[in-house]
N, C-alpha and C. Protein backbone atom coordinates (compact mmCIF):
# COMPACT_ATOMS: atom_id res chain seq x y z
N MET A 1 21.80 30.14 -25.69
CA MET A 1 20.67 30.75 -24.72
C MET A 1 19.37 29.95 -24.96
N LYS A 2 18.98 29.54 -26.07
CA LYS A 2 17.74 29.10 -26.73
C LYS A 2 17.70 27.73 -25.90
N LYS A 3 18.82 26.90 -26.05
CA LYS A 3 19.02 25.54 -25.55
C LYS A 3 18.41 25.64 -23.89
N ILE A 4 18.96 26.56 -23.23
CA ILE A 4 18.94 26.50 -21.79
C ILE A 4 17.48 26.76 -21.56
N ILE A 5 16.68 27.78 -22.44
CA ILE A 5 15.51 27.97 -22.12
C ILE A 5 14.20 27.03 -22.27
N ILE A 6 14.73 25.95 -23.70
CA ILE A 6 13.96 25.08 -24.05
C ILE A 6 14.02 23.84 -22.93
N LEU A 7 15.22 23.69 -22.39
CA LEU A 7 15.72 22.61 -21.44
C LEU A 7 14.98 22.85 -19.94
N THR A 8 14.90 24.12 -19.83
CA THR A 8 14.19 24.62 -18.40
C THR A 8 12.60 24.33 -18.66
N ILE A 9 11.93 24.60 -19.74
CA ILE A 9 10.59 24.65 -20.26
C ILE A 9 10.40 22.95 -20.04
N ILE A 10 11.15 22.14 -20.65
CA ILE A 10 11.05 20.85 -20.76
C ILE A 10 11.17 20.17 -19.29
N PHE A 11 12.27 20.53 -18.45
CA PHE A 11 12.43 20.16 -17.10
C PHE A 11 11.14 20.53 -15.97
N ALA A 12 10.57 21.77 -16.23
CA ALA A 12 9.39 22.29 -15.69
C ALA A 12 8.07 21.48 -15.94
N GLY A 13 8.05 20.99 -17.29
CA GLY A 13 6.99 20.25 -17.46
C GLY A 13 6.96 18.94 -16.87
N LEU A 14 8.09 18.31 -17.10
CA LEU A 14 8.18 16.93 -16.54
C LEU A 14 8.03 16.90 -14.79
N SER A 15 8.28 17.81 -14.26
CA SER A 15 8.37 17.86 -12.76
C SER A 15 6.90 17.98 -12.34
N SER A 16 6.07 18.74 -13.37
CA SER A 16 4.60 18.89 -12.91
C SER A 16 3.91 17.76 -13.27
N VAL A 17 4.40 16.57 -13.90
CA VAL A 17 3.51 15.41 -14.50
C VAL A 17 3.30 14.81 -13.19
N LYS A 18 2.06 14.31 -12.98
CA LYS A 18 1.63 13.24 -11.85
C LYS A 18 1.84 11.64 -12.32
N SER A 19 2.48 11.02 -11.32
CA SER A 19 2.98 9.51 -11.67
C SER A 19 1.77 8.68 -11.64
N GLN A 20 1.72 7.94 -12.30
CA GLN A 20 0.81 6.63 -12.55
C GLN A 20 1.47 5.53 -12.76
N VAL A 21 1.45 4.35 -11.93
CA VAL A 21 2.03 3.07 -11.95
C VAL A 21 1.36 2.07 -12.21
N GLY A 22 1.66 1.27 -13.24
CA GLY A 22 0.99 0.05 -13.44
C GLY A 22 1.94 -1.30 -12.91
N MET A 23 1.58 -2.09 -12.09
CA MET A 23 2.63 -3.00 -11.62
C MET A 23 1.93 -4.14 -12.29
N GLY A 24 3.17 -4.79 -13.52
CA GLY A 24 2.88 -6.22 -14.15
C GLY A 24 1.73 -5.60 -14.79
N LYS A 25 1.51 -4.45 -15.53
CA LYS A 25 0.76 -4.27 -16.55
C LYS A 25 1.13 -3.00 -17.32
N ALA A 26 0.49 -2.96 -18.67
CA ALA A 26 0.87 -2.06 -19.43
C ALA A 26 0.55 -0.64 -18.99
N SER A 27 -0.86 -0.65 -18.54
CA SER A 27 -1.38 0.53 -18.49
C SER A 27 -2.35 0.53 -17.24
N VAL A 28 -2.70 1.85 -16.74
CA VAL A 28 -3.47 2.03 -15.29
C VAL A 28 -4.86 2.28 -15.73
N ASP A 29 -5.45 1.36 -14.77
CA ASP A 29 -7.32 1.72 -14.90
C ASP A 29 -7.58 2.92 -14.30
N GLY A 30 -8.37 3.55 -14.99
CA GLY A 30 -8.87 5.01 -14.44
C GLY A 30 -7.99 5.74 -13.85
N ASP A 31 -8.47 6.49 -12.90
CA ASP A 31 -7.44 7.36 -11.98
C ASP A 31 -6.61 6.80 -10.69
N ALA A 32 -6.13 5.58 -11.12
CA ALA A 32 -5.27 4.92 -10.25
C ALA A 32 -4.04 5.55 -10.08
N ILE A 33 -3.40 5.84 -9.23
CA ILE A 33 -1.99 6.07 -8.69
C ILE A 33 -1.19 5.22 -9.03
N LEU A 34 -1.73 4.10 -8.23
CA LEU A 34 -0.95 2.53 -8.43
C LEU A 34 -1.81 1.68 -8.58
N ASP A 35 -1.50 0.54 -9.61
CA ASP A 35 -2.65 -0.45 -9.96
C ASP A 35 -1.93 -1.77 -9.99
N PHE A 36 -2.61 -2.83 -10.03
CA PHE A 36 -2.08 -4.12 -10.41
C PHE A 36 -3.29 -5.02 -11.09
N PRO A 37 -2.71 -6.13 -11.69
CA PRO A 37 -3.23 -6.74 -12.52
C PRO A 37 -4.18 -7.81 -11.59
N LEU A 38 -5.17 -8.56 -12.43
CA LEU A 38 -5.76 -9.74 -11.81
C LEU A 38 -4.68 -10.83 -11.63
N SER A 39 -4.58 -11.33 -10.34
CA SER A 39 -3.56 -12.27 -10.05
C SER A 39 -4.03 -13.15 -8.85
N THR A 40 -3.26 -13.98 -8.38
CA THR A 40 -3.46 -14.53 -6.91
C THR A 40 -2.51 -14.08 -6.05
N THR A 41 -2.09 -12.90 -6.17
CA THR A 41 -1.05 -12.44 -4.95
C THR A 41 -1.82 -10.87 -4.56
N GLY A 42 -1.33 -10.57 -3.30
CA GLY A 42 -1.69 -9.40 -2.80
C GLY A 42 -0.56 -8.58 -2.57
N ILE A 43 -0.97 -7.53 -1.53
CA ILE A 43 0.20 -6.35 -0.93
C ILE A 43 0.28 -7.01 0.35
N ILE A 44 1.80 -7.10 0.86
CA ILE A 44 1.93 -7.50 2.08
C ILE A 44 2.35 -6.10 2.99
N LEU A 45 1.66 -6.13 3.91
CA LEU A 45 1.61 -4.91 4.57
C LEU A 45 3.06 -4.96 5.64
N PRO A 46 3.61 -3.82 5.77
CA PRO A 46 4.70 -3.89 6.84
C PRO A 46 4.14 -4.26 8.35
N MET A 47 5.10 -4.89 9.05
CA MET A 47 4.85 -5.44 10.53
C MET A 47 5.59 -4.60 11.21
N VAL A 48 4.91 -3.94 12.14
CA VAL A 48 5.66 -3.09 13.12
C VAL A 48 5.70 -3.50 14.45
N GLU A 49 6.66 -3.37 15.39
CA GLU A 49 6.81 -3.88 16.46
C GLU A 49 5.92 -2.77 17.48
N ALA A 50 5.98 -1.36 17.15
CA ALA A 50 5.28 -0.44 18.10
C ALA A 50 4.58 0.54 16.91
N LEU A 51 3.25 0.78 17.23
CA LEU A 51 2.50 1.87 16.41
C LEU A 51 3.19 3.02 16.02
N PRO A 52 3.30 3.55 14.94
CA PRO A 52 3.85 5.06 14.69
C PRO A 52 3.10 5.92 15.41
N THR A 53 3.60 6.99 15.68
CA THR A 53 3.02 8.11 16.30
C THR A 53 3.26 9.66 15.72
N GLY A 54 2.78 10.41 16.14
CA GLY A 54 3.06 11.96 15.38
C GLY A 54 3.07 11.81 14.03
N ILE A 55 4.05 12.37 13.25
CA ILE A 55 3.97 12.71 11.67
C ILE A 55 3.99 11.22 10.98
N ALA A 56 4.75 10.48 11.55
CA ALA A 56 4.69 8.93 11.10
C ALA A 56 3.25 8.30 11.13
N ALA A 57 2.38 8.74 11.83
CA ALA A 57 0.79 8.13 11.93
C ALA A 57 -0.03 8.89 11.20
N SER A 58 0.34 8.98 9.88
CA SER A 58 -0.68 9.68 9.00
C SER A 58 -2.07 8.93 8.62
N ASN A 59 -3.07 9.57 8.65
CA ASN A 59 -4.54 9.06 8.71
C ASN A 59 -4.25 8.12 7.18
N GLY A 60 -4.96 6.99 7.04
CA GLY A 60 -4.75 6.26 5.60
C GLY A 60 -3.69 5.18 5.71
N THR A 61 -2.97 4.97 6.94
CA THR A 61 -1.88 4.20 7.02
C THR A 61 -2.25 2.79 7.10
N PHE A 62 -1.74 1.79 6.64
CA PHE A 62 -2.27 0.51 6.97
C PHE A 62 -1.03 -0.43 7.21
N LEU A 63 -1.02 -1.10 8.56
CA LEU A 63 0.00 -1.90 8.89
C LEU A 63 -0.38 -3.25 9.66
N LEU A 64 0.44 -4.20 10.04
CA LEU A 64 0.37 -5.18 10.68
C LEU A 64 0.96 -4.93 11.75
N ASP A 65 0.14 -5.17 13.03
CA ASP A 65 0.64 -4.71 14.39
C ASP A 65 0.93 -5.89 15.07
N GLN A 66 2.45 -6.28 15.19
CA GLN A 66 2.98 -7.23 15.98
C GLN A 66 2.52 -7.30 17.27
N THR A 67 2.30 -6.36 18.06
CA THR A 67 1.98 -6.57 19.53
C THR A 67 0.69 -7.40 19.72
N ASP A 68 -0.40 -7.09 18.78
CA ASP A 68 -1.46 -7.76 19.11
C ASP A 68 -2.10 -8.52 17.82
N LEU A 69 -1.09 -8.51 16.70
CA LEU A 69 -1.18 -9.50 15.85
C LEU A 69 -2.51 -9.17 14.84
N THR A 70 -2.82 -7.97 14.85
CA THR A 70 -3.92 -7.53 14.08
C THR A 70 -3.58 -6.37 13.01
N VAL A 71 -4.24 -6.62 11.68
CA VAL A 71 -3.99 -5.60 10.64
C VAL A 71 -4.81 -4.36 11.05
N LYS A 72 -4.12 -3.09 10.98
CA LYS A 72 -4.61 -2.08 11.37
C LYS A 72 -4.62 -0.60 10.58
N MET A 73 -5.62 0.06 10.54
CA MET A 73 -5.75 1.36 9.71
C MET A 73 -5.64 2.48 10.38
N ARG A 74 -4.76 3.53 9.99
CA ARG A 74 -5.20 4.73 10.47
C ARG A 74 -6.25 5.54 10.10
N GLU A 75 -7.23 6.12 11.17
CA GLU A 75 -8.57 6.88 10.75
C GLU A 75 -8.76 7.69 11.70
N ASN A 76 -8.86 8.97 11.52
CA ASN A 76 -9.37 9.98 12.37
C ASN A 76 -8.34 9.94 13.33
N ASP A 77 -7.01 9.97 13.25
CA ASP A 77 -6.13 9.94 14.12
C ASP A 77 -6.17 8.72 15.35
N LEU A 78 -6.63 7.73 14.80
CA LEU A 78 -6.79 6.51 15.61
C LEU A 78 -6.39 5.27 14.88
N TRP A 79 -6.00 4.21 15.44
CA TRP A 79 -5.63 3.12 14.71
C TRP A 79 -6.89 2.20 15.01
N VAL A 80 -7.35 1.89 13.77
CA VAL A 80 -8.73 1.02 13.82
C VAL A 80 -8.21 -0.57 13.39
N PRO A 81 -8.66 -1.49 14.18
CA PRO A 81 -8.35 -2.99 13.79
C PRO A 81 -9.03 -3.40 12.70
N LEU A 82 -8.54 -3.83 11.30
CA LEU A 82 -9.34 -4.51 10.29
C LEU A 82 -9.34 -6.01 10.47
N SER A 83 -8.82 -6.69 11.20
CA SER A 83 -8.85 -8.10 11.76
C SER A 83 -8.92 -8.38 13.00
N ASP A 84 -9.24 -9.71 13.22
CA ASP A 84 -9.01 -10.22 14.63
C ASP A 84 -7.72 -10.31 14.57
N ALA A 85 -7.21 -11.07 16.03
CA ALA A 85 -5.87 -11.35 16.17
C ALA A 85 -5.55 -12.56 15.23
N GLY A 86 -4.39 -12.66 14.55
CA GLY A 86 -3.93 -13.50 13.86
C GLY A 86 -2.86 -14.28 14.45
N SER A 87 -2.04 -14.92 13.46
CA SER A 87 -0.69 -15.53 13.87
C SER A 87 0.34 -15.39 12.87
N LEU A 88 1.67 -15.16 13.53
CA LEU A 88 2.79 -14.82 12.39
C LEU A 88 3.31 -16.13 11.93
N THR A 89 2.88 -17.31 12.17
CA THR A 89 3.41 -18.69 11.83
C THR A 89 3.59 -18.57 10.22
N GLY A 90 4.66 -18.77 10.07
CA GLY A 90 5.18 -18.59 8.34
C GLY A 90 5.41 -17.15 8.04
N THR A 91 5.47 -16.16 8.77
CA THR A 91 5.87 -14.76 8.44
C THR A 91 7.25 -14.79 9.21
N MET A 92 7.90 -14.02 8.26
CA MET A 92 9.56 -13.60 8.64
C MET A 92 9.54 -12.34 8.66
N PRO A 93 9.87 -11.77 9.99
CA PRO A 93 10.13 -10.24 10.14
C PRO A 93 11.41 -9.80 9.64
N ASN A 94 11.24 -8.68 8.99
CA ASN A 94 12.43 -7.96 8.46
C ASN A 94 13.34 -7.55 9.45
N THR A 95 14.72 -8.02 9.75
CA THR A 95 15.23 -7.93 10.83
C THR A 95 16.59 -7.01 10.23
N SER A 96 16.61 -6.58 9.17
CA SER A 96 17.68 -5.55 8.63
C SER A 96 17.39 -4.03 9.02
N GLY A 97 17.90 -3.28 8.85
CA GLY A 97 17.70 -1.81 9.48
C GLY A 97 17.23 -1.20 8.07
N GLU A 98 16.39 -0.31 8.36
CA GLU A 98 15.78 0.41 7.43
C GLU A 98 16.79 1.43 6.65
N GLN A 99 16.82 1.58 5.23
CA GLN A 99 17.60 2.66 4.70
C GLN A 99 16.74 3.36 3.83
N GLY A 100 17.28 4.62 3.70
CA GLY A 100 16.43 5.48 2.90
C GLY A 100 15.23 5.84 3.46
N GLY A 101 14.33 6.75 2.69
CA GLY A 101 13.30 7.45 3.30
C GLY A 101 11.85 6.51 2.69
N GLY A 102 11.89 5.44 1.93
CA GLY A 102 10.88 5.08 1.22
C GLY A 102 10.69 5.49 -0.13
N VAL A 103 9.64 4.98 -0.84
CA VAL A 103 9.46 5.51 -2.18
C VAL A 103 8.28 6.22 -2.26
N ILE A 104 8.06 7.40 -2.58
CA ILE A 104 7.08 8.47 -2.71
C ILE A 104 6.30 8.43 -4.11
N ILE A 105 5.00 8.01 -4.75
CA ILE A 105 4.70 8.31 -6.23
C ILE A 105 3.65 9.34 -6.09
N GLY A 106 3.60 10.15 -6.91
CA GLY A 106 2.74 11.04 -7.23
C GLY A 106 3.09 12.47 -6.73
N ALA A 107 4.16 12.67 -6.08
CA ALA A 107 4.88 13.93 -5.69
C ALA A 107 6.27 13.92 -5.46
N ALA A 108 6.97 14.77 -5.39
CA ALA A 108 8.44 15.12 -5.11
C ALA A 108 8.74 14.98 -3.84
N SER A 109 7.69 15.14 -2.87
CA SER A 109 8.21 14.79 -1.25
C SER A 109 6.88 14.47 -0.71
N SER A 110 6.67 14.03 0.73
CA SER A 110 5.62 14.05 1.36
C SER A 110 5.96 14.10 2.91
N PRO A 111 4.87 14.74 3.63
CA PRO A 111 5.17 14.74 5.06
C PRO A 111 5.04 13.45 5.65
N ALA A 112 4.19 12.52 5.07
CA ALA A 112 3.86 11.17 5.46
C ALA A 112 5.25 10.19 5.77
N GLN A 113 5.38 9.38 6.47
CA GLN A 113 6.38 8.56 6.68
C GLN A 113 6.04 6.94 6.50
N GLY A 114 6.86 6.48 5.58
CA GLY A 114 6.21 4.74 4.99
C GLY A 114 7.33 4.23 3.95
N VAL A 115 7.12 3.07 3.81
CA VAL A 115 8.07 2.50 2.85
C VAL A 115 7.59 2.85 1.65
N LEU A 116 6.01 3.08 1.36
CA LEU A 116 5.51 3.35 0.18
C LEU A 116 4.54 4.25 0.38
N VAL A 117 4.71 5.57 -0.02
CA VAL A 117 3.63 6.67 0.07
C VAL A 117 3.17 7.11 -1.21
N LEU A 118 1.87 6.98 -1.19
CA LEU A 118 0.97 7.46 -2.46
C LEU A 118 0.47 9.01 -2.18
N GLU A 119 0.99 9.77 -2.90
CA GLU A 119 0.37 11.14 -2.75
C GLU A 119 -0.27 11.65 -4.04
N ALA A 120 -1.47 11.91 -3.91
CA ALA A 120 -2.51 12.56 -5.01
C ALA A 120 -3.51 13.37 -4.58
N ALA A 121 -4.10 14.20 -5.38
CA ALA A 121 -5.12 14.96 -4.86
C ALA A 121 -6.47 14.32 -5.60
N ASN A 122 -6.39 13.64 -6.68
CA ASN A 122 -7.74 12.95 -7.41
C ASN A 122 -7.03 11.60 -7.87
N LYS A 123 -6.10 10.64 -7.25
CA LYS A 123 -6.08 9.67 -7.83
C LYS A 123 -5.84 8.66 -6.56
N ALA A 124 -6.04 7.38 -6.56
CA ALA A 124 -6.18 6.32 -5.37
C ALA A 124 -5.37 5.07 -5.86
N LEU A 125 -5.22 4.48 -4.86
CA LEU A 125 -4.37 2.83 -5.13
C LEU A 125 -5.60 2.11 -5.50
N ILE A 126 -5.36 1.10 -6.44
CA ILE A 126 -6.18 -0.08 -6.68
C ILE A 126 -5.64 -1.21 -6.11
N LEU A 127 -5.87 -1.85 -5.25
CA LEU A 127 -5.32 -3.20 -4.65
C LEU A 127 -5.33 -4.09 -5.75
N PRO A 128 -4.16 -5.12 -5.52
CA PRO A 128 -4.43 -6.15 -6.38
C PRO A 128 -5.48 -7.06 -6.31
N LYS A 129 -6.00 -7.41 -7.49
CA LYS A 129 -7.26 -8.11 -7.68
C LYS A 129 -7.25 -9.30 -7.87
N VAL A 130 -8.08 -10.37 -6.91
CA VAL A 130 -8.09 -11.67 -7.06
C VAL A 130 -9.49 -12.33 -6.92
N ASN A 131 -9.84 -13.08 -7.87
CA ASN A 131 -11.00 -13.79 -7.62
C ASN A 131 -10.63 -14.84 -6.43
N ASN A 132 -11.80 -14.76 -5.41
CA ASN A 132 -11.67 -15.17 -4.40
C ASN A 132 -10.29 -15.83 -3.61
N PRO A 133 -9.88 -14.83 -2.99
CA PRO A 133 -8.61 -15.08 -2.25
C PRO A 133 -8.42 -16.15 -1.37
N VAL A 134 -9.82 -16.78 -0.65
CA VAL A 134 -9.42 -17.88 0.01
C VAL A 134 -9.20 -19.16 -0.50
N ALA A 135 -9.84 -19.36 -1.86
CA ALA A 135 -9.62 -20.47 -2.50
C ALA A 135 -8.35 -20.31 -3.37
N ASN A 136 -7.86 -19.25 -3.74
CA ASN A 136 -7.10 -19.11 -4.85
C ASN A 136 -5.50 -18.67 -4.40
N MET A 137 -5.62 -18.02 -3.16
CA MET A 137 -4.30 -17.97 -2.84
C MET A 137 -3.70 -18.99 -1.85
N LYS A 138 -2.86 -19.64 -2.32
CA LYS A 138 -2.23 -20.89 -1.70
C LYS A 138 -1.47 -20.98 -0.25
N SER A 139 -0.78 -19.61 -0.28
CA SER A 139 -0.02 -19.57 1.12
C SER A 139 0.27 -18.02 1.26
N PRO A 140 -0.95 -17.41 1.63
CA PRO A 140 -0.98 -15.92 2.19
C PRO A 140 -0.37 -15.71 3.54
N ILE A 141 0.49 -14.84 3.92
CA ILE A 141 1.12 -14.71 5.04
C ILE A 141 0.45 -13.54 5.63
N ALA A 142 0.54 -13.23 7.06
CA ALA A 142 -0.22 -12.44 7.81
C ALA A 142 0.18 -11.01 7.11
N GLY A 143 -0.99 -10.03 7.24
CA GLY A 143 -0.75 -8.65 6.49
C GLY A 143 -0.76 -8.76 5.10
N THR A 144 -1.39 -9.55 4.27
CA THR A 144 -1.66 -9.83 3.06
C THR A 144 -3.08 -8.88 2.94
N VAL A 145 -3.23 -8.01 1.96
CA VAL A 145 -4.21 -7.24 1.63
C VAL A 145 -4.69 -7.34 0.03
N CYS A 146 -5.75 -7.52 -0.51
CA CYS A 146 -5.95 -7.34 -1.90
C CYS A 146 -7.78 -7.40 -1.86
N TYR A 147 -8.01 -7.24 -3.34
CA TYR A 147 -9.52 -6.81 -3.51
C TYR A 147 -10.04 -8.21 -3.92
N ASP A 148 -11.10 -8.70 -3.17
CA ASP A 148 -11.89 -9.86 -3.88
C ASP A 148 -12.79 -9.57 -4.85
N THR A 149 -12.55 -9.84 -6.09
CA THR A 149 -13.31 -9.64 -6.98
C THR A 149 -14.69 -10.35 -7.09
N VAL A 150 -14.79 -11.53 -6.20
CA VAL A 150 -16.24 -11.96 -6.21
C VAL A 150 -16.96 -11.27 -5.12
N SER A 151 -16.47 -11.34 -4.00
CA SER A 151 -17.32 -10.65 -2.89
C SER A 151 -17.30 -9.15 -3.12
N LYS A 152 -16.49 -8.64 -3.66
CA LYS A 152 -16.41 -7.19 -3.94
C LYS A 152 -15.94 -6.38 -2.59
N THR A 153 -15.10 -7.11 -2.16
CA THR A 153 -14.77 -6.33 -0.72
C THR A 153 -13.20 -6.37 -0.72
N MET A 154 -12.54 -5.52 0.40
CA MET A 154 -11.26 -5.62 0.39
C MET A 154 -10.80 -6.87 1.40
N ALA A 155 -9.99 -7.78 0.97
CA ALA A 155 -9.61 -8.82 2.01
C ALA A 155 -8.55 -8.48 2.78
N VAL A 156 -8.44 -9.13 3.88
CA VAL A 156 -7.27 -8.80 4.80
C VAL A 156 -7.16 -9.95 5.53
N PHE A 157 -5.66 -10.77 5.41
CA PHE A 157 -5.16 -12.10 5.98
C PHE A 157 -4.80 -11.61 7.28
N ASP A 158 -5.03 -12.24 8.37
CA ASP A 158 -4.22 -12.11 9.43
C ASP A 158 -3.41 -12.98 9.92
N GLY A 159 -3.17 -13.83 8.99
CA GLY A 159 -2.37 -15.19 9.36
C GLY A 159 -2.97 -16.32 9.95
N LEU A 160 -4.45 -16.22 10.19
CA LEU A 160 -5.20 -17.15 10.51
C LEU A 160 -6.27 -17.66 9.54
N LYS A 161 -7.13 -16.21 9.50
CA LYS A 161 -8.28 -16.41 8.53
C LYS A 161 -8.38 -14.93 7.77
N TRP A 162 -9.16 -14.96 6.76
CA TRP A 162 -9.43 -13.56 5.90
C TRP A 162 -10.53 -12.80 6.72
N SER A 163 -10.25 -11.76 6.58
CA SER A 163 -11.62 -10.68 6.98
C SER A 163 -12.03 -9.86 5.87
N PHE A 164 -13.31 -9.58 5.67
CA PHE A 164 -13.80 -8.83 4.50
C PHE A 164 -14.34 -7.67 4.92
N TRP A 165 -14.01 -6.34 4.02
CA TRP A 165 -14.42 -4.99 4.40
C TRP A 165 -15.21 -4.48 3.04
N LYS A 166 -16.42 -3.99 3.39
CA LYS A 166 -16.94 -3.25 2.17
C LYS A 166 -16.68 -1.84 2.14
């Protein structure tokens, strides 16, 4: 009986732990839920044929809209463009069917729909950090996002050029 009680306490404690993930690094900076090291790579956003609606369109969602070739973010229940119309040259769409419900970090479940869902009340995503992505990312593809440590902005590549957001 003692073993059952101890195991129950251990599993209850583990289930309440909030996840923090460092990609390619041993520790996470500050209050990050997902953190990347300084590099010459970024996150490549999913490319969609149609903008998600309803529950699949959670505020804070980022994607590459294949219909008008722009990187967009869901804000106040509207899709806001973060880039001009770009190009899909060099971009290979994923033609395989989706499997599973995606990966959720920070919670056991989420009402949000996505390939990667970060759920946290007090932690944030730290974008991959790149010193001057225009000069140092040799072959970015449409939908690449990173943090430019030189201009101190979010950098978004639309397939033709970089856009920078403060």
